[in-house]
Amino acid sequence: RILVMLINEAVDALYLGVAERDDLELAMTKGVNYPKGLLGWADEKGLPHCLETLERLQAEYGEDRYRPSPLLRRMVREGRTFF
């Protein structure tokens, strides 16, 4: 649940133009010492899985913090990945 929420925040930052894809990955690997960036993790887990998990959590808890990013929805619909 936590990883999917972090992924969603990274996707939303990309969607809002706050950061570029490679900058987000670099920040997580070098700045936070994660083994990989969140967008790479999203691709690995599968964007449809991330979207389904967020939708389920939002339905279950009714909280906006689980609302999927519009970019995540669009990428799943178009069958795209980050890398």
Protein backbone atom coordinates (compact mmCIF):
# COMPACT_ATOMS: atom_id res chain seq x y z
CA ARG A 1 0.00 0.00 0.00
CA ILE A 2 2.74 2.48 0.90
CA LEU A 3 4.79 1.78 -2.22
CA VAL A 4 1.78 2.29 -4.49
CA MET A 5 1.00 5.59 -2.75
CA LEU A 6 4.60 6.76 -3.27
CA ILE A 7 4.43 5.68 -6.92
CA ASN A 8 1.21 7.65 -7.33
CA GLU A 9 2.86 10.78 -5.85
CA ALA A 10 5.77 10.44 -8.28
CA VAL A 11 3.40 9.98 -11.22
CA ASP A 12 1.44 13.03 -10.10
CA ALA A 13 4.64 15.11 -9.83
CA LEU A 14 5.40 14.14 -13.42
CA TYR A 15 1.82 14.93 -14.48
CA LEU A 16 1.90 18.36 -12.81
CA GLY A 17 5.27 19.22 -14.33
CA VAL A 18 6.98 19.43 -10.94
CA ALA A 19 9.78 17.08 -12.07
CA GLU A 20 10.96 15.09 -15.06
CA ARG A 21 10.99 11.29 -15.16
CA ASP A 22 14.76 10.87 -14.84
CA ASP A 23 14.97 13.47 -12.06
CA LEU A 24 12.36 11.59 -10.04
CA GLU A 25 14.31 8.36 -10.44
CA LEU A 26 17.60 10.02 -9.50
CA ALA A 27 16.08 11.66 -6.42
CA MET A 28 14.86 8.32 -5.09
CA THR A 29 18.00 6.30 -5.86
CA LYS A 30 20.60 8.88 -4.83
CA GLY A 31 18.66 11.08 -2.42
CA VAL A 32 16.68 8.46 -0.50
CA ASN A 33 18.93 5.48 -1.31
CA TYR A 34 16.09 3.37 -2.70
CA PRO A 35 17.30 0.43 -4.81
CA LYS A 36 15.38 1.82 -7.80
CA GLY A 37 13.21 4.78 -8.66
CA LEU A 38 9.47 4.79 -8.10
CA LEU A 39 8.60 4.95 -11.79
CA GLY A 40 10.83 1.98 -12.51
CA TRP A 41 9.13 0.14 -9.67
CA ALA A 42 5.77 1.06 -11.16
CA ASP A 43 6.78 -0.51 -14.47
CA GLU A 44 8.04 -3.60 -12.65
CA LYS A 45 4.86 -4.05 -10.61
CA GLY A 46 2.72 -3.18 -13.62
CA LEU A 47 0.82 0.06 -14.03
CA PRO A 48 -2.54 -1.75 -14.15
CA HIS A 49 -1.73 -3.36 -10.78
CA CYS A 50 -0.83 0.04 -9.29
CA LEU A 51 -4.04 1.59 -10.60
CA GLU A 52 -6.22 -1.29 -9.36
CA THR A 53 -4.62 -1.15 -5.92
CA LEU A 54 -5.19 2.60 -5.61
CA GLU A 55 -8.80 2.31 -6.80
CA ARG A 56 -9.44 -0.48 -4.29
CA LEU A 57 -7.89 1.50 -1.44
CA GLN A 58 -9.87 4.60 -2.35
CA ALA A 59 -13.11 2.62 -2.49
CA GLU A 60 -12.32 0.87 0.79
CA TYR A 61 -11.20 3.91 2.79
CA GLY A 62 -12.85 6.75 0.85
CA GLU A 63 -9.77 8.94 1.18
CA ASP A 64 -8.40 11.29 -1.49
CA ARG A 65 -4.82 10.25 -0.73
CA TYR A 66 -5.56 7.05 -2.65
CA ARG A 67 -7.01 8.84 -5.70
CA PRO A 68 -5.01 7.70 -8.76
CA SER A 69 -3.17 10.33 -10.76
CA PRO A 70 -4.83 11.20 -14.08
CA LEU A 71 -1.54 10.36 -15.78
CA LEU A 72 -1.55 6.86 -14.29
CA ARG A 73 -5.09 6.30 -15.56
CA ARG A 74 -4.17 7.52 -19.04
CA MET A 75 -1.02 5.42 -19.23
CA VAL A 76 -2.91 2.27 -18.24
CA ARG A 77 -5.63 3.04 -20.78
CA GLU A 78 -3.00 3.54 -23.51
CA GLY A 79 -0.92 0.52 -22.45
CA ARG A 80 2.18 2.66 -21.84
CA THR A 81 5.06 2.34 -19.37
CA PHE A 82 7.60 4.83 -18.07
CA PHE A 83 10.66 3.08 -19.51
